[in-house]
Amino acid sequence: MGLIVFMLGCGAAAIPGFVFRPDVWYRKLKKPSWRPPDWLFGPVWLILYVSIAVSGWLVWRQAGFDGAALALSVYVLQLILNGLWSVAFFGVRRPGLALLDIVCLWLSIVATIAIFHQIQATAAYVLIPYVLWVTFAVALNFSIWRLNPARSP
């Protein structure tokens, strides 16, 4: 039952990504040549959301909500920041604001990994692909922001 709750939480974080999707505005943006194809993002995020859910579940199983209150609070923060990125980038079309969000997201993932490692090492290691992908996404967001200054208020 616990894993289902964590999967639902990650599913909730993914909702903005389904609501605010690439559109004509996004297709008109200049993008770096090293950007992956659009079809890759969905499968990557599916795998990452499953791993994020498993990670949180492992910490909860080890320490419970009371024993991992700080860790799970930082975990929830990174999920919120994750969901807000789609709103900032695709919803309000502000790559600069999205860049600020994704840098905060990256920092919160690093903090989650550090705190989780103290409670359950495997839970921290499961988040390594997530932080690597978001590191790449920071670079991509930054590049799009820089390549499109007129489209970034």
C-alpha atoms as a PDB file:
ATOM      1  CA  MET A   1       0.000   0.000   0.000  1.00  0.00           C
ATOM      2  CA  GLY A   2       2.833   2.426   0.836  1.00  0.00           C
ATOM      3  CA  LEU A   3       4.430   2.151  -2.600  1.00  0.00           C
ATOM      4  CA  ILE A   4       1.087   2.994  -4.211  1.00  0.00           C
ATOM      5  CA  VAL A   5       0.929   6.235  -2.192  1.00  0.00           C
ATOM      6  CA  PHE A   6       4.392   7.217  -3.389  1.00  0.00           C
ATOM      7  CA  MET A   7       3.475   6.320  -6.991  1.00  0.00           C
ATOM      8  CA  LEU A   8       0.358   8.494  -6.705  1.00  0.00           C
ATOM      9  CA  GLY A   9       2.467  11.361  -5.344  1.00  0.00           C
ATOM     10  CA  CYS A  10       4.839  11.105  -8.287  1.00  0.00           C
ATOM     11  CA  GLY A  11       1.864  10.853 -10.612  1.00  0.00           C
ATOM     12  CA  ALA A  12       0.535  14.102  -9.155  1.00  0.00           C
ATOM     13  CA  ALA A  13       3.902  15.770  -9.794  1.00  0.00           C
ATOM     14  CA  ALA A  14       3.702  14.586 -13.414  1.00  0.00           C
ATOM     15  CA  ILE A  15       0.237  16.079 -14.056  1.00  0.00           C
ATOM     16  CA  PRO A  16       1.522  19.537 -15.097  1.00  0.00           C
ATOM     17  CA  GLY A  17       3.670  17.795 -17.713  1.00  0.00           C
ATOM     18  CA  PHE A  18       0.502  16.351 -19.246  1.00  0.00           C
ATOM     19  CA  VAL A  19      -1.450  19.602 -18.978  1.00  0.00           C
ATOM     20  CA  PHE A  20       1.274  21.964 -20.222  1.00  0.00           C
ATOM     21  CA  ARG A  21       2.764  20.320 -23.282  1.00  0.00           C
ATOM     22  CA  PRO A  22       5.012  21.483 -26.094  1.00  0.00           C
ATOM     23  CA  ASP A  23       2.998  23.526 -28.571  1.00  0.00           C
ATOM     24  CA  VAL A  24       3.531  25.868 -31.522  1.00  0.00           C
ATOM     25  CA  TRP A  25       5.363  28.372 -29.285  1.00  0.00           C
ATOM     26  CA  TYR A  26       7.829  25.682 -28.213  1.00  0.00           C
ATOM     27  CA  ARG A  27       8.341  24.366 -31.736  1.00  0.00           C
ATOM     28  CA  LYS A  28       9.283  27.885 -32.877  1.00  0.00           C
ATOM     29  CA  LEU A  29      11.971  28.267 -30.220  1.00  0.00           C
ATOM     30  CA  LYS A  30      15.616  27.917 -31.202  1.00  0.00           C
ATOM     31  CA  LYS A  31      17.038  24.824 -29.561  1.00  0.00           C
ATOM     32  CA  PRO A  32      20.583  23.457 -29.338  1.00  0.00           C
ATOM     33  CA  SER A  33      21.576  20.744 -31.807  1.00  0.00           C
ATOM     34  CA  TRP A  34      22.296  18.315 -28.948  1.00  0.00           C
ATOM     35  CA  ARG A  35      18.694  18.362 -27.721  1.00  0.00           C
ATOM     36  CA  PRO A  36      17.161  14.860 -27.670  1.00  0.00           C
ATOM     37  CA  PRO A  37      14.102  14.117 -29.798  1.00  0.00           C
ATOM     38  CA  ASP A  38      10.734  14.943 -28.245  1.00  0.00           C
ATOM     39  CA  TRP A  39       9.645  11.281 -28.105  1.00  0.00           C
ATOM     40  CA  LEU A  40      12.472  10.480 -25.644  1.00  0.00           C
ATOM     41  CA  PHE A  41      11.231  12.703 -22.815  1.00  0.00           C
ATOM     42  CA  GLY A  42       8.082  10.693 -21.986  1.00  0.00           C
ATOM     43  CA  PRO A  43       9.775   7.307 -21.492  1.00  0.00           C
ATOM     44  CA  VAL A  44      12.671   8.849 -19.563  1.00  0.00           C
ATOM     45  CA  TRP A  45      10.317  10.657 -17.199  1.00  0.00           C
ATOM     46  CA  LEU A  46       8.200   7.545 -16.705  1.00  0.00           C
ATOM     47  CA  ILE A  47      11.277   5.619 -15.560  1.00  0.00           C
ATOM     48  CA  LEU A  48      12.431   8.518 -13.400  1.00  0.00           C
ATOM     49  CA  TYR A  49       9.042   8.952 -11.697  1.00  0.00           C
ATOM     50  CA  VAL A  50       8.956   5.244 -10.859  1.00  0.00           C
ATOM     51  CA  SER A  51      12.458   5.468  -9.376  1.00  0.00           C
ATOM     52  CA  ILE A  52      11.534   8.611  -7.409  1.00  0.00           C
ATOM     53  CA  ALA A  53       8.502   6.795  -5.973  1.00  0.00           C
ATOM     54  CA  VAL A  54      10.558   3.722  -5.058  1.00  0.00           C
ATOM     55  CA  SER A  55      13.176   5.922  -3.411  1.00  0.00           C
ATOM     56  CA  GLY A  56      10.661   7.709  -1.211  1.00  0.00           C
ATOM     57  CA  TRP A  57       8.971   4.436  -0.365  1.00  0.00           C
ATOM     58  CA  LEU A  58      12.291   2.870   0.712  1.00  0.00           C
ATOM     59  CA  VAL A  59      12.962   5.752   3.103  1.00  0.00           C
ATOM     60  CA  TRP A  60       9.419   5.616   4.478  1.00  0.00           C
ATOM     61  CA  ARG A  61       9.695   1.843   4.967  1.00  0.00           C
ATOM     62  CA  GLN A  62      12.990   2.269   6.807  1.00  0.00           C
ATOM     63  CA  ALA A  63      12.088   5.186   9.095  1.00  0.00           C
ATOM     64  CA  GLY A  64       8.375   5.960   8.747  1.00  0.00           C
ATOM     65  CA  PHE A  65       6.932   9.440   8.455  1.00  0.00           C
ATOM     66  CA  ASP A  66       8.018  10.428  11.966  1.00  0.00           C
ATOM     67  CA  GLY A  67      11.579   9.146  11.604  1.00  0.00           C
ATOM     68  CA  ALA A  68      12.040  10.698   8.164  1.00  0.00           C
ATOM     69  CA  ALA A  69      10.032  13.921   8.494  1.00  0.00           C
ATOM     70  CA  LEU A  70      12.807  16.207   7.219  1.00  0.00           C
ATOM     71  CA  ALA A  71      13.856  13.793   4.474  1.00  0.00           C
ATOM     72  CA  LEU A  72      10.313  13.324   3.210  1.00  0.00           C
ATOM     73  CA  SER A  73       9.635  17.073   3.410  1.00  0.00           C
ATOM     74  CA  VAL A  74      12.606  17.763   1.130  1.00  0.00           C
ATOM     75  CA  TYR A  75      11.390  14.904  -1.074  1.00  0.00           C
ATOM     76  CA  VAL A  76       7.949  16.541  -1.381  1.00  0.00           C
ATOM     77  CA  LEU A  77       9.611  19.900  -2.112  1.00  0.00           C
ATOM     78  CA  GLN A  78      11.521  18.423  -5.053  1.00  0.00           C
ATOM     79  CA  LEU A  79       8.279  16.886  -6.377  1.00  0.00           C
ATOM     80  CA  ILE A  80       6.566  20.283  -6.192  1.00  0.00           C
ATOM     81  CA  LEU A  81       9.462  21.998  -7.964  1.00  0.00           C
ATOM     82  CA  ASN A  82       9.420  19.219 -10.543  1.00  0.00           C
ATOM     83  CA  GLY A  83       5.772  19.873 -11.358  1.00  0.00           C
ATOM     84  CA  LEU A  84       6.212  23.641 -11.387  1.00  0.00           C
ATOM     85  CA  TRP A  85       8.826  23.473 -14.132  1.00  0.00           C
ATOM     86  CA  SER A  86       6.237  22.520 -16.775  1.00  0.00           C
ATOM     87  CA  VAL A  87       3.995  25.350 -15.616  1.00  0.00           C
ATOM     88  CA  ALA A  88       6.841  27.887 -15.848  1.00  0.00           C
ATOM     89  CA  PHE A  89       8.254  26.689 -19.172  1.00  0.00           C
ATOM     90  CA  PHE A  90       5.245  25.533 -21.187  1.00  0.00           C
ATOM     91  CA  GLY A  91       2.372  27.059 -19.217  1.00  0.00           C
ATOM     92  CA  VAL A  92       3.475  30.679 -18.836  1.00  0.00           C
ATOM     93  CA  ARG A  93       6.215  30.373 -21.493  1.00  0.00           C
ATOM     94  CA  ARG A  94       8.983  31.793 -19.327  1.00  0.00           C
ATOM     95  CA  PRO A  95      12.216  29.847 -19.921  1.00  0.00           C
ATOM     96  CA  GLY A  96      14.058  32.155 -17.505  1.00  0.00           C
ATOM     97  CA  LEU A  97      11.590  31.430 -14.712  1.00  0.00           C
ATOM     98  CA  ALA A  98      11.744  27.737 -15.591  1.00  0.00           C
ATOM     99  CA  LEU A  99      15.552  27.937 -15.342  1.00  0.00           C
ATOM    100  CA  LEU A 100      15.287  29.356 -11.824  1.00  0.00           C
ATOM    101  CA  ASP A 101      12.852  26.578 -10.920  1.00  0.00           C
ATOM    102  CA  ILE A 102      15.007  23.801 -12.357  1.00  0.00           C
ATOM    103  CA  VAL A 103      18.118  25.038 -10.548  1.00  0.00           C
ATOM    104  CA  CYS A 104      16.119  24.950  -7.298  1.00  0.00           C
ATOM    105  CA  LEU A 105      14.861  21.502  -8.310  1.00  0.00           C
ATOM    106  CA  TRP A 106      18.437  20.301  -8.866  1.00  0.00           C
ATOM    107  CA  LEU A 107      19.482  21.608  -5.447  1.00  0.00           C
ATOM    108  CA  SER A 108      16.495  19.930  -3.793  1.00  0.00           C
ATOM    109  CA  ILE A 109      17.308  16.611  -5.491  1.00  0.00           C
ATOM    110  CA  VAL A 110      20.907  16.811  -4.260  1.00  0.00           C
ATOM    111  CA  ALA A 111      19.601  17.575  -0.756  1.00  0.00           C
ATOM    112  CA  THR A 112      17.155  14.660  -0.992  1.00  0.00           C
ATOM    113  CA  ILE A 113      19.959  12.308  -2.011  1.00  0.00           C
ATOM    114  CA  ALA A 114      22.167  13.486   0.860  1.00  0.00           C
ATOM    115  CA  ILE A 115      19.410  13.168   3.465  1.00  0.00           C
ATOM    116  CA  PHE A 116      18.109   9.863   2.087  1.00  0.00           C
ATOM    117  CA  HIS A 117      21.631   8.409   2.164  1.00  0.00           C
ATOM    118  CA  GLN A 118      21.700   8.850   5.935  1.00  0.00           C
ATOM    119  CA  ILE A 119      18.510   6.808   6.279  1.00  0.00           C
ATOM    120  CA  GLN A 120      18.599   4.265   3.451  1.00  0.00           C
ATOM    121  CA  ALA A 121      21.545   4.271   1.020  1.00  0.00           C
ATOM    122  CA  THR A 122      19.733   2.433  -1.786  1.00  0.00           C
ATOM    123  CA  ALA A 123      17.030   5.114  -1.784  1.00  0.00           C
ATOM    124  CA  ALA A 124      19.734   7.711  -2.425  1.00  0.00           C
ATOM    125  CA  TYR A 125      21.413   5.696  -5.178  1.00  0.00           C
ATOM    126  CA  VAL A 126      18.100   5.181  -6.987  1.00  0.00           C
ATOM    127  CA  LEU A 127      17.921   8.976  -7.414  1.00  0.00           C
ATOM    128  CA  ILE A 128      21.274   9.265  -9.228  1.00  0.00           C
ATOM    129  CA  PRO A 129      19.737   8.928 -12.741  1.00  0.00           C
ATOM    130  CA  TYR A 130      17.200  11.596 -11.761  1.00  0.00           C
ATOM    131  CA  VAL A 131      19.826  14.134 -10.739  1.00  0.00           C
ATOM    132  CA  LEU A 132      21.870  13.332 -13.856  1.00  0.00           C
ATOM    133  CA  TRP A 133      18.850  13.864 -16.137  1.00  0.00           C
ATOM    134  CA  VAL A 134      17.947  17.109 -14.370  1.00  0.00           C
ATOM    135  CA  THR A 135      21.572  18.253 -14.702  1.00  0.00           C
ATOM    136  CA  PHE A 136      21.207  17.730 -18.446  1.00  0.00           C
ATOM    137  CA  ALA A 137      17.812  19.485 -18.358  1.00  0.00           C
ATOM    138  CA  VAL A 138      19.361  22.506 -16.605  1.00  0.00           C
ATOM    139  CA  ALA A 139      21.866  22.811 -19.454  1.00  0.00           C
ATOM    140  CA  LEU A 140      19.106  22.409 -22.039  1.00  0.00           C
ATOM    141  CA  ASN A 141      16.832  24.955 -20.327  1.00  0.00           C
ATOM    142  CA  PHE A 142      19.740  27.399 -20.046  1.00  0.00           C
ATOM    143  CA  SER A 143      20.603  26.971 -23.728  1.00  0.00           C
ATOM    144  CA  ILE A 144      17.017  27.531 -24.849  1.00  0.00           C
ATOM    145  CA  TRP A 145      16.774  30.606 -22.618  1.00  0.00           C
ATOM    146  CA  ARG A 146      19.994  32.033 -24.068  1.00  0.00           C
ATOM    147  CA  LEU A 147      19.061  31.225 -27.673  1.00  0.00           C
ATOM    148  CA  ASN A 148      15.663  32.932 -27.350  1.00  0.00           C
ATOM    149  CA  PRO A 149      16.149  36.196 -25.423  1.00  0.00           C
ATOM    150  CA  ALA A 150      13.211  37.908 -27.134  1.00  0.00           C
ATOM    151  CA  ARG A 151      10.904  35.078 -26.075  1.00  0.00           C
ATOM    152  CA  SER A 152      12.026  35.245 -22.434  1.00  0.00           C
ATOM    153  CA  PRO A 153      10.486  38.236 -20.626  1.00  0.00           C
END
